[in-house]
């Protein structure tokens, strides 16, 4: 059998017990530590893993002094066993930075799952519901059990494994939404029960589960589901469930035939944890430094909004977001933190995005995110303005920015201005155009705990970022050509919990709660 034929027939399975097969033949991978290595590489398919990362995955903090030599030994054994069992040469390659499993993505069951989910989302975007449901069912069939069920629990706790479980939970939620749309809500009931157990703080999953249980005539179980997540949210974070869960709960109590209020895919935008931001003004906390903008006192102090009337605006009067204009974010992250709709509040004439929890790694911490992304709030060009201030407290990174309106979340250029310094006293605005051209601006300092007006302007021939009317970056100043972003975009506001890049993690000095305060948002054509 030639190498090409072997590649087509080899199958690596990590969603359940870890196995390898080639055609109808099982490939023995022994001993357990070699299978552990295979699982680590398969879960991180497409990445080169430095030996130090592999050592951490295999032994954690208890690595032996000979760990590096043992990794080399295990790699040699794995290569030999795959070669002897399947005819694959160099199935594990070293590319100068780390080891990588060199097999096609769909040869790994997790890669196949991800491809099928991507196919389902594309079909969903094309309104081909039958195909989307079919692809999701095929994707769920890839999961034969818990990740690396026959191996050390350390493998199941790896960030890549946590992220894979979150992708499964997200897929179950989208599948349940489709089932509900087509009058088949109960078809997703078993999956939703498993997803709720896997993600006990995921409000969207629990809303879908409550809806499915109600549709199956299990009102008592639906109410118990609500009581369970309400208790967990109160114990972990001292908060109540979000407005959507509460509305569904009250509807069940009234014996109304309410549909589950899980936002449709468009209203539940999810930024990938490692995605490039498009037109981001990432204003993180602890903003003490050279006072470029004082903005002290009332909300109008220091503001320099556009003089003409805005074409669209929201000043957050009332007690809830306008669901016809705003969507809520909900997801879990590999560090154990979550985005929850309950962390997004409206009150006192402002939008508040909360962050709670002080774990140094971000694990268990909760924050929120929302997007101005429904109906007419998406624009290719214009000027977005946000009046905001941010509570001090390390470990949380509020962000104000634009994201491309693309069902596959394909980034067509980006504009970035985020805090990277641990002091959170400055940010460096950056424009990343298409084909990775970029413009990096000078550091901007200020007292960002005070009210200021942040603006991002996107035009066919330039992108500019300003604070209180002072331009801090303008692509027309670029000395080299820059291919500007061109996709329609929407505004989002969110908090990230725990370390992100060089952002500091939460620590014992972090307040139990930090808040991003938003006075108003506006868009000008």
Protein backbone atom coordinates (compact mmCIF):
# COMPACT_ATOMS: atom_id res chain seq x y z
CA UNK A 1 0.00 0.00 0.00
CA UNK A 2 1.49 3.38 -1.01
CA UNK A 3 1.61 6.37 1.30
CA UNK A 4 -1.29 8.14 -0.45
CA UNK A 5 -3.54 5.10 -0.09
CA UNK A 6 -2.53 4.76 3.56
CA UNK A 7 -3.42 8.39 4.24
CA UNK A 8 -6.86 7.85 2.71
CA UNK A 9 -7.55 4.77 4.84
CA UNK A 10 -6.02 5.69 8.20
CA UNK A 11 -8.42 6.69 10.98
CA UNK A 12 -7.40 8.19 14.32
CA UNK A 13 -10.13 8.27 16.98
CA UNK A 14 -10.05 10.33 20.19
CA UNK A 15 -13.79 10.89 20.75
CA UNK A 16 -14.13 7.87 22.98
CA UNK A 17 -11.30 5.40 23.48
CA UNK A 18 -8.13 6.28 21.55
CA UNK A 19 -7.71 3.94 18.58
CA UNK A 20 -6.06 3.83 15.16
CA UNK A 21 -7.18 1.79 12.17
CA UNK A 22 -6.17 1.41 8.55
CA UNK A 23 -8.94 0.01 6.42
CA UNK A 24 -10.41 -2.89 8.37
CA UNK A 25 -7.26 -3.48 10.41
CA UNK A 26 -6.65 -2.12 13.91
CA UNK A 27 -3.25 -0.54 14.46
CA UNK A 28 -1.85 -1.31 17.90
CA UNK A 29 -0.53 1.75 19.72
CA UNK A 30 1.19 0.82 22.97
CA UNK A 31 1.94 1.47 25.80
CA UNK A 32 -0.53 3.91 27.37
CA UNK A 33 1.94 6.82 27.36
CA UNK A 34 2.36 6.48 23.60
CA UNK A 35 -1.44 6.57 23.24
CA UNK A 36 -1.47 9.65 25.47
CA UNK A 37 1.00 11.28 23.09
CA UNK A 38 -1.16 10.32 20.11
CA UNK A 39 -4.24 11.83 21.79
CA UNK A 40 -2.40 15.09 22.54
CA UNK A 41 -1.26 15.39 18.91
CA UNK A 42 -4.68 14.47 17.50
CA UNK A 43 -6.53 16.95 19.73
CA UNK A 44 -4.14 19.64 18.49
CA UNK A 45 -4.18 18.56 14.85
CA UNK A 46 -2.81 21.26 12.57
CA UNK A 47 -0.58 22.67 15.32
CA UNK A 48 3.07 22.05 15.99
CA UNK A 49 3.54 21.31 19.70
CA UNK A 50 6.88 22.23 21.31
CA UNK A 51 8.27 19.48 23.46
CA UNK A 52 7.67 21.55 26.62
CA UNK A 53 3.95 21.71 25.84
CA UNK A 54 3.90 17.96 25.27
CA UNK A 55 5.68 17.40 28.58
CA UNK A 56 3.06 19.52 30.34
CA UNK A 57 0.24 17.60 28.67
CA UNK A 58 1.68 14.19 29.58
CA UNK A 59 2.91 14.82 33.12
CA UNK A 60 1.68 18.23 34.28
CA UNK A 61 3.80 19.62 37.11
CA UNK A 62 5.17 16.18 37.99
CA UNK A 63 7.36 15.65 34.95
CA UNK A 64 10.46 13.48 35.46
CA UNK A 65 13.94 14.85 34.85
CA UNK A 66 14.14 12.64 31.76
CA UNK A 67 10.86 13.99 30.30
CA UNK A 68 12.41 15.43 27.14
CA UNK A 69 14.20 12.19 26.32
CA UNK A 70 11.01 10.23 27.04
CA UNK A 71 9.04 12.42 24.62
CA UNK A 72 11.57 11.64 21.88
CA UNK A 73 11.29 7.94 22.71
CA UNK A 74 7.48 7.99 22.59
CA UNK A 75 7.55 9.85 19.26
CA UNK A 76 9.88 7.22 17.80
CA UNK A 77 7.64 4.39 19.02
CA UNK A 78 4.50 6.08 17.69
CA UNK A 79 6.11 6.62 14.28
CA UNK A 80 7.22 2.99 14.12
CA UNK A 81 3.84 1.60 15.17
CA UNK A 82 1.96 3.75 12.66
CA UNK A 83 4.42 2.82 9.91
CA UNK A 84 4.21 -0.90 10.68
CA UNK A 85 0.43 -0.91 11.08
CA UNK A 86 -0.60 1.40 8.25
CA UNK A 87 2.39 1.96 6.02
CA UNK A 88 2.57 5.65 6.95
CA UNK A 89 6.06 7.12 6.96
CA UNK A 90 6.68 10.17 9.13
CA UNK A 91 3.15 10.32 10.50
CA UNK A 92 4.62 12.48 13.25
CA UNK A 93 6.82 15.25 11.89
CA UNK A 94 9.15 17.80 13.49
CA UNK A 95 8.99 21.15 11.68
CA UNK A 96 11.65 23.00 13.65
CA UNK A 97 9.26 24.35 16.29
CA UNK A 98 7.41 21.25 17.46
CA UNK A 99 5.86 17.88 16.68
CA UNK A 100 2.77 17.60 14.51
CA UNK A 101 0.52 14.71 13.48
CA UNK A 102 0.74 14.66 9.68
CA UNK A 103 -2.57 13.15 8.56
CA UNK A 104 -5.56 14.71 6.73
CA UNK A 105 -7.96 16.54 9.09
CA UNK A 106 -10.86 14.23 8.25
CA UNK A 107 -8.72 11.20 9.16
CA UNK A 108 -9.22 12.23 12.80
CA UNK A 109 -12.74 11.85 14.20
CA UNK A 110 -12.56 15.29 15.83
CA UNK A 111 -11.52 16.84 12.51
CA UNK A 112 -14.39 15.05 10.80
CA UNK A 113 -16.79 16.39 13.44
CA UNK A 114 -15.57 19.96 12.87
CA UNK A 115 -15.91 19.64 9.08
CA UNK A 116 -19.46 18.30 9.33
CA UNK A 117 -20.44 21.12 11.70
CA UNK A 118 -19.00 23.66 9.25
CA UNK A 119 -21.05 22.01 6.48
CA UNK A 120 -24.15 22.23 8.67
CA UNK A 121 -23.61 25.93 9.37
CA UNK A 122 -23.21 26.66 5.65
CA UNK A 123 -26.43 24.78 4.91
CA UNK A 124 -28.14 26.65 7.73
CA UNK A 125 -27.02 29.98 6.28
CA UNK A 126 -28.42 28.92 2.91
CA UNK A 127 -31.72 28.03 4.65
CA UNK A 128 -31.25 24.37 3.69
CA UNK A 129 -32.55 23.09 7.01
CA UNK A 130 -32.82 19.41 6.03
CA UNK A 131 -29.16 19.27 4.99
CA UNK A 132 -28.10 21.15 8.11
CA UNK A 133 -29.95 18.70 10.37
CA UNK A 134 -28.45 15.75 8.52
CA UNK A 135 -24.89 17.09 8.81
CA UNK A 136 -25.31 17.78 12.52
CA UNK A 137 -26.53 14.21 13.08
CA UNK A 138 -23.50 12.86 11.21
CA UNK A 139 -21.27 15.09 13.32
CA UNK A 140 -22.75 13.85 16.61
CA UNK A 141 -22.19 10.26 15.47
CA UNK A 142 -18.45 10.96 15.53
CA UNK A 143 -18.61 11.11 19.34
CA UNK A 144 -18.44 7.56 20.71
CA UNK A 145 -17.93 8.72 24.29
CA UNK A 146 -15.84 11.06 26.42
CA UNK A 147 -12.61 12.35 24.89
CA UNK A 148 -9.74 9.87 25.42
CA UNK A 149 -12.03 7.84 27.68
CA UNK A 150 -9.45 5.08 28.21
CA UNK A 151 -6.55 7.39 29.10
CA UNK A 152 -5.36 9.59 31.93
CA UNK A 153 -7.89 12.24 33.02
CA UNK A 154 -5.17 14.85 32.44
CA UNK A 155 -5.72 14.45 28.67
CA UNK A 156 -9.42 15.26 29.05
CA UNK A 157 -8.56 18.43 30.98
CA UNK A 158 -6.29 19.84 28.26
CA UNK A 159 -7.41 23.18 26.74
CA UNK A 160 -7.84 21.49 23.34
CA UNK A 161 -10.18 18.91 24.87
CA UNK A 162 -12.17 21.60 26.70
CA UNK A 163 -12.49 23.57 23.46
CA UNK A 164 -13.66 20.44 21.61
CA UNK A 165 -16.38 19.81 24.18
CA UNK A 166 -17.48 23.43 23.86
CA UNK A 167 -17.75 23.04 20.07
CA UNK A 168 -19.94 20.00 20.67
CA UNK A 169 -22.17 21.96 23.09
CA UNK A 170 -22.45 24.81 20.58
CA UNK A 171 -23.38 22.35 17.83
CA UNK A 172 -26.06 20.74 20.02
CA UNK A 173 -27.57 24.17 20.71
CA UNK A 174 -27.67 25.10 17.03
CA UNK A 175 -29.14 21.68 16.18
CA UNK A 176 -31.81 22.12 18.87
CA UNK A 177 -32.71 25.54 17.43
CA UNK A 178 -33.20 23.95 14.01
CA UNK A 179 -35.25 21.13 15.46
CA UNK A 180 -37.47 23.67 17.19
CA UNK A 181 -37.90 25.65 13.97
CA UNK A 182 -39.12 22.53 12.18
CA UNK A 183 -41.43 21.34 14.95
CA UNK A 184 -39.06 18.58 16.11
CA UNK A 185 -37.95 20.08 19.44
CA UNK A 186 -38.07 16.75 21.27
CA UNK A 187 -35.68 15.16 18.74
CA UNK A 188 -32.81 16.98 20.42
CA UNK A 189 -33.88 16.14 23.97
CA UNK A 190 -31.28 13.45 24.77
CA UNK A 191 -28.46 15.53 23.31
CA UNK A 192 -29.61 18.58 25.26
CA UNK A 193 -29.63 16.63 28.52
CA UNK A 194 -26.03 15.56 27.90
CA UNK A 195 -25.01 19.08 26.85
CA UNK A 196 -26.57 20.63 29.97
CA UNK A 197 -24.64 18.18 32.14
CA UNK A 198 -21.43 19.01 30.26
CA UNK A 199 -21.98 22.80 30.46
CA UNK A 200 -23.86 23.44 33.72
CA UNK A 201 -23.66 27.26 33.38
CA UNK A 202 -24.56 27.50 29.67
CA UNK A 203 -27.85 29.40 29.64
CA UNK A 204 -28.59 28.79 25.96
CA UNK A 205 -28.36 25.02 26.37
CA UNK A 206 -30.61 25.12 29.42
CA UNK A 207 -33.15 27.31 27.62
CA UNK A 208 -33.26 24.84 24.73
CA UNK A 209 -33.57 21.95 27.18
CA UNK A 210 -36.44 23.65 29.01
CA UNK A 211 -38.20 24.22 25.71
CA UNK A 212 -37.73 20.62 24.59
CA UNK A 213 -38.91 19.27 27.95
CA UNK A 214 -41.99 21.48 27.81
CA UNK A 215 -42.72 20.26 24.29
CA UNK A 216 -42.46 16.69 25.52
CA UNK A 217 -44.99 17.40 28.28
CA UNK A 218 -42.36 17.36 31.04
CA UNK A 219 -43.17 20.75 32.61
CA UNK A 220 -41.93 19.71 36.05
CA UNK A 221 -38.56 18.66 34.62
CA UNK A 222 -38.32 21.98 32.75
CA UNK A 223 -38.93 23.91 35.96
CA UNK A 224 -36.36 21.76 37.79
CA UNK A 225 -33.86 22.55 35.03
CA UNK A 226 -34.39 26.27 35.63
CA UNK A 227 -34.10 25.85 39.39
CA UNK A 228 -30.81 23.98 38.94
CA UNK A 229 -29.07 26.59 36.80
CA UNK A 230 -30.46 29.41 38.95
CA UNK A 231 -28.92 27.79 42.03
CA UNK A 232 -25.57 27.22 40.31
CA UNK A 233 -25.38 30.82 39.03
CA UNK A 234 -26.22 32.14 42.49
CA UNK A 235 -23.64 29.92 44.20
CA UNK A 236 -20.85 30.57 41.71
CA UNK A 237 -21.38 34.24 40.90
CA UNK A 238 -24.19 35.65 43.02
CA UNK A 239 -26.33 36.45 39.94
CA UNK A 240 -29.73 35.44 38.60
CA UNK A 241 -30.33 33.83 35.19
CA UNK A 242 -30.58 36.18 32.23
CA UNK A 243 -33.80 37.72 30.99
CA UNK A 244 -34.38 35.03 28.36
CA UNK A 245 -34.30 32.14 30.81
CA UNK A 246 -36.46 34.04 33.25
CA UNK A 247 -39.02 34.81 30.53
CA UNK A 248 -39.17 31.15 29.52
CA UNK A 249 -39.52 30.08 33.14
CA UNK A 250 -42.40 32.49 33.77
CA UNK A 251 -44.07 31.35 30.56
CA UNK A 252 -43.97 27.73 31.72
CA UNK A 253 -45.40 28.75 35.10
CA UNK A 254 -48.28 30.48 33.31
CA UNK A 255 -48.78 27.31 31.25
CA UNK A 256 -48.31 29.42 28.14
CA UNK A 257 -47.08 27.72 25.02
CA UNK A 258 -44.02 29.93 24.77
CA UNK A 259 -41.34 28.94 22.37
CA UNK A 260 -37.89 28.61 23.93
CA UNK A 261 -36.27 32.03 23.85
CA UNK A 262 -32.84 30.92 22.72
CA UNK A 263 -31.64 33.62 20.32
CA UNK A 264 -31.39 32.48 16.68
CA UNK A 265 -27.85 31.99 15.31
CA UNK A 266 -27.72 35.59 14.13
CA UNK A 267 -28.46 36.89 17.62
CA UNK A 268 -25.97 34.59 19.28
CA UNK A 269 -22.75 35.64 17.58
CA UNK A 270 -19.72 33.79 18.83
CA UNK A 271 -16.27 35.17 18.38
CA UNK A 272 -13.72 32.41 18.17
CA UNK A 273 -11.33 32.65 21.08
CA UNK A 274 -8.35 33.16 18.78
CA UNK A 275 -10.04 35.13 16.00
CA UNK A 276 -8.64 38.39 14.64
CA UNK A 277 -10.77 41.35 15.67
CA UNK A 278 -12.20 43.66 13.05
CA UNK A 279 -12.17 47.33 14.02
CA UNK A 280 -11.56 46.64 17.68
CA UNK A 281 -11.16 49.26 20.36
CA UNK A 282 -10.22 46.90 23.20
CA UNK A 283 -10.21 49.07 26.31
CA UNK A 284 -9.12 46.91 29.21
CA UNK A 285 -9.15 47.87 32.85
CA UNK A 286 -6.79 49.66 35.33
CA UNK A 287 -6.57 52.78 33.17
CA UNK A 288 -4.30 55.12 35.12
CA UNK A 289 -1.65 57.07 33.28
CA UNK A 290 -0.97 60.25 31.36
CA UNK A 291 -4.36 61.91 31.21
CA UNK A 292 -4.79 62.43 27.51
CA UNK A 293 -8.56 62.60 28.08
CA UNK A 294 -9.79 63.54 31.54
CA UNK A 295 -13.54 63.26 31.04
CA UNK A 296 -14.13 63.62 34.78
CA UNK A 297 -17.52 64.29 36.25
CA UNK A 298 -20.77 63.94 34.31
CA UNK A 299 -21.32 61.87 31.21
CA UNK A 300 -21.07 64.84 28.89
CA UNK A 301 -17.63 65.90 30.12
CA UNK A 302 -14.97 65.71 27.47
CA UNK A 303 -17.29 64.25 24.85
CA UNK A 304 -16.84 65.18 21.22
CA UNK A 305 -19.52 63.29 19.30
CA UNK A 306 -20.41 64.02 15.72
CA UNK A 307 -22.53 67.21 15.53
CA UNK A 308 -25.08 65.89 13.06
CA UNK A 309 -28.00 63.65 14.17
CA UNK A 310 -27.14 59.96 14.20
CA UNK A 311 -28.90 57.69 11.72
CA UNK A 312 -29.13 55.01 14.42
CA UNK A 313 -28.69 55.31 18.19
CA UNK A 314 -29.45 53.63 21.50
CA UNK A 315 -29.20 55.40 24.86
CA UNK A 316 -30.32 52.37 26.93
CA UNK A 317 -33.38 53.84 28.57
CA UNK A 318 -35.61 51.21 30.13
CA UNK A 319 -34.61 47.99 31.82
CA UNK A 320 -33.63 45.64 28.97
CA UNK A 321 -31.81 45.58 25.66
CA UNK A 322 -33.87 45.96 22.51
CA UNK A 323 -33.92 42.32 21.34
CA UNK A 324 -34.77 43.49 17.85
CA UNK A 325 -31.40 45.24 17.61
CA UNK A 326 -29.06 43.45 20.04
CA UNK A 327 -27.87 39.87 20.35
CA UNK A 328 -26.23 38.23 23.38
CA UNK A 329 -23.07 36.15 23.44
CA UNK A 330 -22.84 32.80 25.15
CA UNK A 331 -19.93 30.38 25.16
CA UNK A 332 -17.29 28.72 27.30
CA UNK A 333 -13.54 29.22 26.89
CA UNK A 334 -10.63 26.80 27.29
CA UNK A 335 -9.49 28.60 30.46
CA UNK A 336 -12.81 27.72 32.12
CA UNK A 337 -14.38 31.18 31.91
CA UNK A 338 -17.75 31.75 30.26
CA UNK A 339 -19.71 34.41 28.48
CA UNK A 340 -23.24 34.50 29.91
CA UNK A 341 -26.29 36.60 28.95
CA UNK A 342 -26.82 37.22 32.68
CA UNK A 343 -23.67 39.38 32.65
CA UNK A 344 -25.31 41.94 30.32
CA UNK A 345 -27.60 44.39 32.11
CA UNK A 346 -29.48 47.61 31.33
CA UNK A 347 -30.29 50.01 34.16
CA UNK A 348 -29.85 53.61 35.27
CA UNK A 349 -29.70 54.76 31.66
CA UNK A 350 -26.65 52.68 30.74
CA UNK A 351 -25.67 49.30 29.36
CA UNK A 352 -23.47 47.35 31.77
CA UNK A 353 -21.18 44.46 30.81
CA UNK A 354 -20.08 42.67 33.96
CA UNK A 355 -17.13 40.50 34.86
CA UNK A 356 -17.18 38.47 38.08
CA UNK A 357 -14.75 36.02 39.68
CA UNK A 358 -11.13 36.27 40.81
CA UNK A 359 -9.57 32.97 39.78
CA UNK A 360 -5.98 33.64 38.59
CA UNK A 361 -6.46 31.45 35.50
CA UNK A 362 -9.91 32.78 34.64
CA UNK A 363 -11.44 29.37 35.44
CA UNK A 364 -14.99 29.79 36.72
CA UNK A 365 -15.01 33.52 36.05
CA UNK A 366 -17.98 34.90 34.16
CA UNK A 367 -18.41 37.88 31.87
CA UNK A 368 -20.68 39.06 29.09
CA UNK A 369 -20.87 40.25 25.52
CA UNK A 370 -23.46 41.70 23.17
CA UNK A 371 -23.63 42.87 19.57
CA UNK A 372 -25.61 45.59 17.79
CA UNK A 373 -26.14 43.15 14.97
CA UNK A 374 -29.80 42.63 14.13
CA UNK A 375 -31.75 43.81 11.13
CA UNK A 376 -30.50 47.27 10.04
CA UNK A 377 -27.51 47.60 12.38
CA UNK A 378 -24.97 46.06 9.98
CA UNK A 379 -23.10 48.42 7.66
CA UNK A 380 -20.21 48.25 5.23
CA UNK A 381 -19.12 51.82 5.92
CA UNK A 382 -19.86 54.57 8.42
CA UNK A 383 -18.82 55.91 11.79
CA UNK A 384 -19.59 54.06 15.00
CA UNK A 385 -19.41 56.01 18.29
CA UNK A 386 -19.57 54.62 21.83
CA UNK A 387 -19.64 56.62 25.05
CA UNK A 388 -18.09 54.46 27.77
CA UNK A 389 -16.00 54.10 30.89
CA UNK A 390 -14.43 51.01 32.46
CA UNK A 391 -14.01 49.91 36.07
CA UNK A 392 -10.45 49.26 37.21
CA UNK A 393 -9.50 45.67 37.98
CA UNK A 394 -6.94 43.36 36.42
CA UNK A 395 -7.94 40.13 34.75
CA UNK A 396 -10.78 41.49 32.61
CA UNK A 397 -10.44 43.00 29.15
CA UNK A 398 -13.46 44.99 27.90
CA UNK A 399 -13.56 45.42 24.12
CA UNK A 400 -15.51 47.73 21.85
CA UNK A 401 -15.24 46.93 18.17
CA UNK A 402 -16.65 45.86 14.85
CA UNK A 403 -16.94 42.32 13.52
CA UNK A 404 -17.56 41.20 9.93
CA UNK A 405 -21.06 40.01 9.11
CA UNK A 406 -20.10 36.64 7.64
CA UNK A 407 -21.78 33.34 8.43
CA UNK A 408 -18.41 31.57 8.41
CA UNK A 409 -16.83 34.35 10.51
CA UNK A 410 -14.21 34.86 7.82
CA UNK A 411 -12.16 37.93 8.69
CA UNK A 412 -11.65 40.29 5.77
CA UNK A 413 -9.03 42.59 7.28
CA UNK A 414 -9.08 44.03 10.79
CA UNK A 415 -8.58 47.18 12.81
CA UNK A 416 -7.26 46.64 16.31
CA UNK A 417 -6.65 48.94 19.27
CA UNK A 418 -6.32 46.96 22.47
CA UNK A 419 -4.54 47.11 25.80
CA UNK A 420 -1.55 44.79 25.98
CA UNK A 421 0.39 46.43 28.82
CA UNK A 422 -0.29 44.97 32.28
CA UNK A 423 -0.81 48.51 33.66
CA UNK A 424 -3.80 49.01 31.32
CA UNK A 425 -2.84 52.65 30.99
CA UNK A 426 -2.48 52.65 27.22
CA UNK A 427 -3.41 50.87 24.03
CA UNK A 428 -1.74 50.61 20.63
CA UNK A 429 -4.14 51.06 17.69
CA UNK A 430 -3.44 48.78 14.73
CA UNK A 431 -5.05 48.30 11.34
CA UNK A 432 -4.58 44.90 9.74
CA UNK A 433 -5.74 44.99 6.15
CA UNK A 434 -6.41 42.18 3.75
CA UNK A 435 -3.46 39.96 2.85
CA UNK A 436 -1.98 40.78 6.28
CA UNK A 437 -0.88 44.34 5.47
CA UNK A 438 -0.96 46.43 8.61
CA UNK A 439 -0.46 49.85 10.18
CA UNK A 440 0.58 50.13 13.85
CA UNK A 441 -0.11 53.43 15.58
CA UNK A 442 1.56 55.09 18.55
CA UNK A 443 0.56 54.17 22.10
CA UNK A 444 -2.47 56.05 23.41
CA UNK A 445 -2.63 56.92 27.13
CA UNK A 446 -5.48 58.19 29.24
CA UNK A 447 -7.71 57.80 32.29
CA UNK A 448 -10.03 55.23 30.77
CA UNK A 449 -11.97 54.81 34.01
CA UNK A 450 -13.62 58.16 33.12
CA UNK A 451 -16.23 58.75 30.45
CA UNK A 452 -14.90 59.11 26.91
CA UNK A 453 -16.32 58.86 23.40
CA UNK A 454 -14.66 56.20 21.25
CA UNK A 455 -15.18 56.27 17.50
CA UNK A 456 -14.25 53.96 14.61
CA UNK A 457 -14.79 55.27 11.10
CA UNK A 458 -14.62 52.93 8.11
CA UNK A 459 -14.63 54.31 4.55
CA UNK A 460 -13.69 52.87 1.17
CA UNK A 461 -10.36 54.71 1.26
CA UNK A 462 -9.47 54.89 4.98
CA UNK A 463 -10.08 53.64 8.51
CA UNK A 464 -9.66 55.94 11.53
CA UNK A 465 -9.90 55.53 15.30
CA UNK A 466 -10.44 58.46 17.65
CA UNK A 467 -11.05 59.17 21.34
CA UNK A 468 -13.06 62.27 22.30
CA UNK A 469 -12.59 63.66 18.81
CA UNK A 470 -8.80 63.20 18.76
CA UNK A 471 -7.63 60.92 16.00
CA UNK A 472 -5.23 58.26 17.28
CA UNK A 473 -4.88 56.32 14.04
CA UNK A 474 -5.63 57.06 10.40
CA UNK A 475 -4.71 54.66 7.60
CA UNK A 476 -4.10 57.59 5.24
CA UNK A 477 -0.89 58.12 7.18
CA UNK A 478 0.41 54.69 6.20
CA UNK A 479 3.76 54.79 4.39
CA UNK A 480 3.11 51.49 2.62
CA UNK A 481 0.00 50.27 0.75
CA UNK A 482 -2.78 48.90 2.95
CA UNK A 483 -5.68 46.84 1.61
CA UNK A 484 -8.59 47.98 3.76
CA UNK A 485 -11.38 45.80 5.22
CA UNK A 486 -14.41 45.59 2.94
CA UNK A 487 -16.96 43.30 4.63
CA UNK A 488 -20.15 44.70 6.22
CA UNK A 489 -19.65 44.92 9.98
CA UNK A 490 -21.56 45.25 13.23
CA UNK A 491 -20.70 46.75 16.61
CA UNK A 492 -19.97 44.49 19.58
CA UNK A 493 -19.15 45.19 23.23
CA UNK A 494 -17.82 42.50 25.54
CA UNK A 495 -15.60 41.57 28.48
CA UNK A 496 -13.07 38.74 28.44
CA UNK A 497 -12.18 37.01 31.72
CA UNK A 498 -8.76 35.67 32.58
CA UNK A 499 -5.49 36.05 30.71
CA UNK A 500 -5.63 36.79 26.99
CA UNK A 501 -2.29 37.18 25.28
CA UNK A 502 -0.21 39.40 27.52
CA UNK A 503 -3.24 40.65 29.46
CA UNK A 504 -2.83 39.94 33.19
CA UNK A 505 -4.97 37.30 34.84
CA UNK A 506 -7.30 37.93 37.73
CA UNK A 507 -5.61 37.83 41.13
CA UNK A 508 -6.23 38.42 44.83
CA UNK A 509 -6.32 42.18 44.22
CA UNK A 510 -8.99 41.92 41.54
CA UNK A 511 -12.40 43.26 42.59
CA UNK A 512 -15.09 40.62 42.81
CA UNK A 513 -16.90 42.49 40.06
CA UNK A 514 -15.85 44.89 37.30
CA UNK A 515 -18.20 46.68 34.94
CA UNK A 516 -17.95 48.24 31.50
CA UNK A 517 -20.41 51.16 31.50
CA UNK A 518 -21.91 52.22 28.14
CA UNK A 519 -23.86 55.49 28.06
CA UNK A 520 -24.89 55.36 24.39
CA UNK A 521 -24.00 54.04 20.94
CA UNK A 522 -24.49 55.78 17.60
CA UNK A 523 -23.96 55.13 13.91
CA UNK A 524 -23.53 57.77 11.21
CA UNK A 525 -23.57 56.90 7.48
